[in-house]
Amino acid sequence: MEQNKKSPLPIIIAIIFLLVAGVSLAFYFISQENPEEENADDDNNTALDVTPSPTVVSVNETPSPAQTTGKYADGSYTVDASYSSPGGFEGMDVSITLEDDIIKSVSIVIDPDNDDESDEYTSLFKNRISGEVVGKNIDDADVSRLSGASLTSRAFNNALDDIKTGAEV
């Protein structure tokens, strides 16, 4: 009597597939927890290779005629800090007031279309940002993972870069 032996090959292939998928998911979730560490040398990329790229929507310069020592014109500046997150496209308006290259005030307006999880992080960020940057020279203002919001922090830093470019004298 001949035994009906089935080949173990399909089972082995299925096990390998599941292992590869599991390892891939593990790396994905680990990279989401520590995007700053993974990309410490590249401030423009996140663990998802997402590039927050704020776009200047308006620059309301009110340069002071007496200012001659600063690198940047005094005034109020607003930038749309839009970026992509795992929850989708997110946005916030960043407004700062500069005087003698010092950030005198900062305001964040959160896009109402942000997803709920992102909105939670952005709100925490909004509540803490003034304490981090007001009173600092704009060249020294740099935030990272403020209130757990690493993508928001990166978008804010990129917004500051855009403001510096627009305010340079």
C-alpha atoms as a PDB file:
ATOM      1  CA  MET A   1       0.000   0.000   0.000  1.00  0.00           C
ATOM      2  CA  GLU A   2       1.371   3.288  -1.093  1.00  0.00           C
ATOM      3  CA  GLN A   3       1.233   6.212   1.329  1.00  0.00           C
ATOM      4  CA  ASN A   4      -0.042   9.533   0.059  1.00  0.00           C
ATOM      5  CA  LYS A   5       2.806  11.892   1.050  1.00  0.00           C
ATOM      6  CA  LYS A   6       2.254  15.593   0.623  1.00  0.00           C
ATOM      7  CA  SER A   7       5.149  17.870  -0.080  1.00  0.00           C
ATOM      8  CA  PRO A   8       6.124  20.162   2.842  1.00  0.00           C
ATOM      9  CA  LEU A   9       7.191  22.865   0.362  1.00  0.00           C
ATOM     10  CA  PRO A  10       3.952  24.941   0.482  1.00  0.00           C
ATOM     11  CA  ILE A  11       4.066  24.958   4.290  1.00  0.00           C
ATOM     12  CA  ILE A  12       7.706  26.030   4.304  1.00  0.00           C
ATOM     13  CA  ILE A  13       6.976  28.844   1.831  1.00  0.00           C
ATOM     14  CA  ALA A  14       4.035  30.044   3.954  1.00  0.00           C
ATOM     15  CA  ILE A  15       6.185  30.061   7.114  1.00  0.00           C
ATOM     16  CA  ILE A  16       8.943  32.051   5.371  1.00  0.00           C
ATOM     17  CA  PHE A  17       6.385  34.541   4.050  1.00  0.00           C
ATOM     18  CA  LEU A  18       4.895  35.046   7.523  1.00  0.00           C
ATOM     19  CA  LEU A  19       8.339  35.493   9.078  1.00  0.00           C
ATOM     20  CA  VAL A  20       9.346  38.131   6.506  1.00  0.00           C
ATOM     21  CA  ALA A  21       6.040  39.977   6.961  1.00  0.00           C
ATOM     22  CA  GLY A  22       6.373  39.882  10.758  1.00  0.00           C
ATOM     23  CA  VAL A  23       9.938  41.185  10.706  1.00  0.00           C
ATOM     24  CA  SER A  24       8.951  43.948   8.277  1.00  0.00           C
ATOM     25  CA  LEU A  25       6.089  45.058  10.509  1.00  0.00           C
ATOM     26  CA  ALA A  26       8.327  44.971  13.576  1.00  0.00           C
ATOM     27  CA  PHE A  27      10.883  47.254  11.901  1.00  0.00           C
ATOM     28  CA  TYR A  28       8.115  49.583  10.742  1.00  0.00           C
ATOM     29  CA  PHE A  29       6.697  50.019  14.239  1.00  0.00           C
ATOM     30  CA  ILE A  30      10.129  50.371  15.836  1.00  0.00           C
ATOM     31  CA  SER A  31      11.057  53.081  13.348  1.00  0.00           C
ATOM     32  CA  GLN A  32       7.820  54.939  14.174  1.00  0.00           C
ATOM     33  CA  GLU A  33       8.744  55.095  17.851  1.00  0.00           C
ATOM     34  CA  ASN A  34      12.213  56.582  17.254  1.00  0.00           C
ATOM     35  CA  PRO A  35      12.282  58.547  13.979  1.00  0.00           C
ATOM     36  CA  GLU A  36      14.800  61.082  15.329  1.00  0.00           C
ATOM     37  CA  GLU A  37      17.370  58.416  16.163  1.00  0.00           C
ATOM     38  CA  GLU A  38      17.077  56.638  12.826  1.00  0.00           C
ATOM     39  CA  ASN A  39      17.523  59.819  10.832  1.00  0.00           C
ATOM     40  CA  ALA A  40      19.678  61.906  13.148  1.00  0.00           C
ATOM     41  CA  ASP A  41      21.909  63.015  10.255  1.00  0.00           C
ATOM     42  CA  ASP A  42      19.027  63.934   7.951  1.00  0.00           C
ATOM     43  CA  ASP A  43      16.558  66.406   9.442  1.00  0.00           C
ATOM     44  CA  ASN A  44      14.404  66.433   6.309  1.00  0.00           C
ATOM     45  CA  ASN A  45      13.334  62.770   6.408  1.00  0.00           C
ATOM     46  CA  THR A  46      11.324  60.755   8.863  1.00  0.00           C
ATOM     47  CA  ALA A  47      11.353  57.003   9.415  1.00  0.00           C
ATOM     48  CA  LEU A  48       8.722  56.763   6.668  1.00  0.00           C
ATOM     49  CA  ASP A  49      10.907  58.804   4.328  1.00  0.00           C
ATOM     50  CA  VAL A  50       8.340  61.578   4.604  1.00  0.00           C
ATOM     51  CA  THR A  51       9.572  65.079   3.987  1.00  0.00           C
ATOM     52  CA  PRO A  52       7.668  67.811   5.779  1.00  0.00           C
ATOM     53  CA  SER A  53       7.849  70.705   3.387  1.00  0.00           C
ATOM     54  CA  PRO A  54       6.286  73.908   4.642  1.00  0.00           C
ATOM     55  CA  THR A  55       5.336  76.479   2.072  1.00  0.00           C
ATOM     56  CA  VAL A  56       5.369  80.196   2.756  1.00  0.00           C
ATOM     57  CA  VAL A  57       1.816  81.450   2.325  1.00  0.00           C
ATOM     58  CA  SER A  58       2.330  84.982   3.493  1.00  0.00           C
ATOM     59  CA  VAL A  59       5.099  87.150   4.753  1.00  0.00           C
ATOM     60  CA  ASN A  60       4.008  90.316   6.477  1.00  0.00           C
ATOM     61  CA  GLU A  61       7.233  92.207   6.905  1.00  0.00           C
ATOM     62  CA  THR A  62       7.304  95.393   8.893  1.00  0.00           C
ATOM     63  CA  PRO A  63      11.034  96.143   8.914  1.00  0.00           C
ATOM     64  CA  SER A  64      12.270  98.613  11.451  1.00  0.00           C
ATOM     65  CA  PRO A  65      14.399 101.417   9.995  1.00  0.00           C
ATOM     66  CA  ALA A  66      16.512 101.466  13.178  1.00  0.00           C
ATOM     67  CA  GLN A  67      17.492  97.812  12.823  1.00  0.00           C
ATOM     68  CA  THR A  68      21.007  97.474  11.436  1.00  0.00           C
ATOM     69  CA  THR A  69      22.580  94.695  13.479  1.00  0.00           C
ATOM     70  CA  GLY A  70      20.293  91.714  12.854  1.00  0.00           C
ATOM     71  CA  LYS A  71      20.409  89.165  10.061  1.00  0.00           C
ATOM     72  CA  TYR A  72      16.620  89.213   9.730  1.00  0.00           C
ATOM     73  CA  ALA A  73      14.071  91.973   9.252  1.00  0.00           C
ATOM     74  CA  ASP A  74      11.826  92.669  12.217  1.00  0.00           C
ATOM     75  CA  GLY A  75       8.217  91.753  11.579  1.00  0.00           C
ATOM     76  CA  SER A  76       5.521  89.115  11.709  1.00  0.00           C
ATOM     77  CA  TYR A  77       5.782  86.030   9.511  1.00  0.00           C
ATOM     78  CA  THR A  78       3.302  83.241   8.798  1.00  0.00           C
ATOM     79  CA  VAL A  79       4.114  79.913   7.209  1.00  0.00           C
ATOM     80  CA  ASP A  80       1.919  76.942   6.334  1.00  0.00           C
ATOM     81  CA  ALA A  81       3.714  73.969   7.892  1.00  0.00           C
ATOM     82  CA  SER A  82       2.094  71.104   6.004  1.00  0.00           C
ATOM     83  CA  TYR A  83       3.436  67.582   6.248  1.00  0.00           C
ATOM     84  CA  SER A  84       2.539  63.950   5.734  1.00  0.00           C
ATOM     85  CA  SER A  85       2.057  61.595   8.671  1.00  0.00           C
ATOM     86  CA  PRO A  86       0.945  57.978   9.026  1.00  0.00           C
ATOM     87  CA  GLY A  87      -2.583  59.363   9.528  1.00  0.00           C
ATOM     88  CA  GLY A  88      -2.497  61.382   6.306  1.00  0.00           C
ATOM     89  CA  PHE A  89      -1.777  64.955   5.280  1.00  0.00           C
ATOM     90  CA  GLU A  90      -1.520  67.298   8.290  1.00  0.00           C
ATOM     91  CA  GLY A  91      -1.141  71.021   8.591  1.00  0.00           C
ATOM     92  CA  MET A  92      -0.715  73.992  10.864  1.00  0.00           C
ATOM     93  CA  ASP A  93       0.016  77.671  10.398  1.00  0.00           C
ATOM     94  CA  VAL A  94       3.104  78.904  12.205  1.00  0.00           C
ATOM     95  CA  SER A  95       3.280  82.625  12.961  1.00  0.00           C
ATOM     96  CA  ILE A  96       6.199  84.304  14.673  1.00  0.00           C
ATOM     97  CA  THR A  97       7.148  87.879  15.459  1.00  0.00           C
ATOM     98  CA  LEU A  98      10.836  88.769  15.176  1.00  0.00           C
ATOM     99  CA  GLU A  99      12.607  91.696  16.761  1.00  0.00           C
ATOM    100  CA  ASP A 100      16.406  91.994  16.507  1.00  0.00           C
ATOM    101  CA  ASP A 101      16.507  88.301  15.436  1.00  0.00           C
ATOM    102  CA  ILE A 102      14.755  87.300  18.679  1.00  0.00           C
ATOM    103  CA  ILE A 103      11.446  85.441  18.577  1.00  0.00           C
ATOM    104  CA  LYS A 104       9.067  87.657  20.518  1.00  0.00           C
ATOM    105  CA  SER A 105       5.934  85.557  20.015  1.00  0.00           C
ATOM    106  CA  VAL A 106       4.790  82.363  18.349  1.00  0.00           C
ATOM    107  CA  SER A 107       1.335  81.225  17.374  1.00  0.00           C
ATOM    108  CA  ILE A 108       0.169  77.872  16.021  1.00  0.00           C
ATOM    109  CA  VAL A 109      -3.173  77.399  14.271  1.00  0.00           C
ATOM    110  CA  ILE A 110      -4.003  73.724  13.787  1.00  0.00           C
ATOM    111  CA  ASP A 111      -5.676  72.645  10.560  1.00  0.00           C
ATOM    112  CA  PRO A 112      -9.175  71.426  11.500  1.00  0.00           C
ATOM    113  CA  ASP A 113      -8.861  68.620   8.937  1.00  0.00           C
ATOM    114  CA  ASN A 114      -6.016  66.889  10.813  1.00  0.00           C
ATOM    115  CA  ASP A 115      -6.842  63.384  11.994  1.00  0.00           C
ATOM    116  CA  ASP A 116      -7.683  62.937  15.684  1.00  0.00           C
ATOM    117  CA  GLU A 117      -4.417  61.315  16.792  1.00  0.00           C
ATOM    118  CA  SER A 118      -2.306  63.906  14.994  1.00  0.00           C
ATOM    119  CA  ASP A 119      -4.516  66.680  16.352  1.00  0.00           C
ATOM    120  CA  GLU A 120      -3.807  65.443  19.889  1.00  0.00           C
ATOM    121  CA  TYR A 121      -0.021  65.633  19.374  1.00  0.00           C
ATOM    122  CA  THR A 122      -0.248  68.966  17.578  1.00  0.00           C
ATOM    123  CA  SER A 123      -2.340  70.435  20.405  1.00  0.00           C
ATOM    124  CA  LEU A 124       0.240  69.325  22.977  1.00  0.00           C
ATOM    125  CA  PHE A 125       2.945  70.815  20.777  1.00  0.00           C
ATOM    126  CA  LYS A 126       0.995  74.079  20.469  1.00  0.00           C
ATOM    127  CA  ASN A 127       0.695  74.367  24.251  1.00  0.00           C
ATOM    128  CA  ARG A 128       4.445  73.973  24.816  1.00  0.00           C
ATOM    129  CA  ILE A 129       6.096  75.698  21.845  1.00  0.00           C
ATOM    130  CA  SER A 130       6.129  79.234  23.275  1.00  0.00           C
ATOM    131  CA  GLY A 131       8.158  78.110  26.269  1.00  0.00           C
ATOM    132  CA  GLU A 132      10.692  76.504  23.951  1.00  0.00           C
ATOM    133  CA  VAL A 133      11.351  79.288  21.437  1.00  0.00           C
ATOM    134  CA  VAL A 134      10.102  82.690  22.667  1.00  0.00           C
ATOM    135  CA  GLY A 135      13.078  84.779  23.760  1.00  0.00           C
ATOM    136  CA  LYS A 136      15.551  82.794  21.653  1.00  0.00           C
ATOM    137  CA  ASN A 137      17.469  83.937  18.628  1.00  0.00           C
ATOM    138  CA  ILE A 138      15.724  82.465  15.594  1.00  0.00           C
ATOM    139  CA  ASP A 139      19.003  80.792  14.573  1.00  0.00           C
ATOM    140  CA  ASP A 140      19.086  78.977  17.926  1.00  0.00           C
ATOM    141  CA  ALA A 141      15.435  77.913  17.959  1.00  0.00           C
ATOM    142  CA  ASP A 142      15.203  74.201  17.203  1.00  0.00           C
ATOM    143  CA  VAL A 143      12.741  71.774  18.708  1.00  0.00           C
ATOM    144  CA  SER A 144      12.663  67.996  18.608  1.00  0.00           C
ATOM    145  CA  ARG A 145       9.878  65.649  19.604  1.00  0.00           C
ATOM    146  CA  LEU A 146       8.108  68.221  21.726  1.00  0.00           C
ATOM    147  CA  SER A 147       5.231  66.459  23.544  1.00  0.00           C
ATOM    148  CA  GLY A 148       5.836  63.322  21.462  1.00  0.00           C
ATOM    149  CA  ALA A 149       5.132  65.172  18.226  1.00  0.00           C
ATOM    150  CA  SER A 150       8.289  64.462  16.219  1.00  0.00           C
ATOM    151  CA  LEU A 151       6.748  65.153  12.807  1.00  0.00           C
ATOM    152  CA  THR A 152       5.149  68.361  14.080  1.00  0.00           C
ATOM    153  CA  SER A 153       8.475  69.462  15.568  1.00  0.00           C
ATOM    154  CA  ARG A 154      10.261  68.762  12.303  1.00  0.00           C
ATOM    155  CA  ALA A 155       7.608  70.688  10.334  1.00  0.00           C
ATOM    156  CA  PHE A 156       7.952  73.617  12.783  1.00  0.00           C
ATOM    157  CA  ASN A 157      11.737  73.655  12.321  1.00  0.00           C
ATOM    158  CA  ASN A 158      11.288  73.625   8.540  1.00  0.00           C
ATOM    159  CA  ALA A 159       8.804  76.502   8.890  1.00  0.00           C
ATOM    160  CA  LEU A 160      11.422  78.478  10.842  1.00  0.00           C
ATOM    161  CA  ASP A 161      13.890  77.840   8.015  1.00  0.00           C
ATOM    162  CA  ASP A 162      11.391  79.205   5.502  1.00  0.00           C
ATOM    163  CA  ILE A 163      10.765  82.240   7.704  1.00  0.00           C
ATOM    164  CA  LYS A 164      14.508  82.870   7.993  1.00  0.00           C
ATOM    165  CA  THR A 165      14.823  82.732   4.214  1.00  0.00           C
ATOM    166  CA  GLY A 166      11.959  85.200   3.785  1.00  0.00           C
ATOM    167  CA  ALA A 167      13.176  87.536   6.540  1.00  0.00           C
ATOM    168  CA  GLU A 168      16.850  87.717   5.611  1.00  0.00           C
ATOM    169  CA  VAL A 169      18.135  91.247   5.083  1.00  0.00           C
END
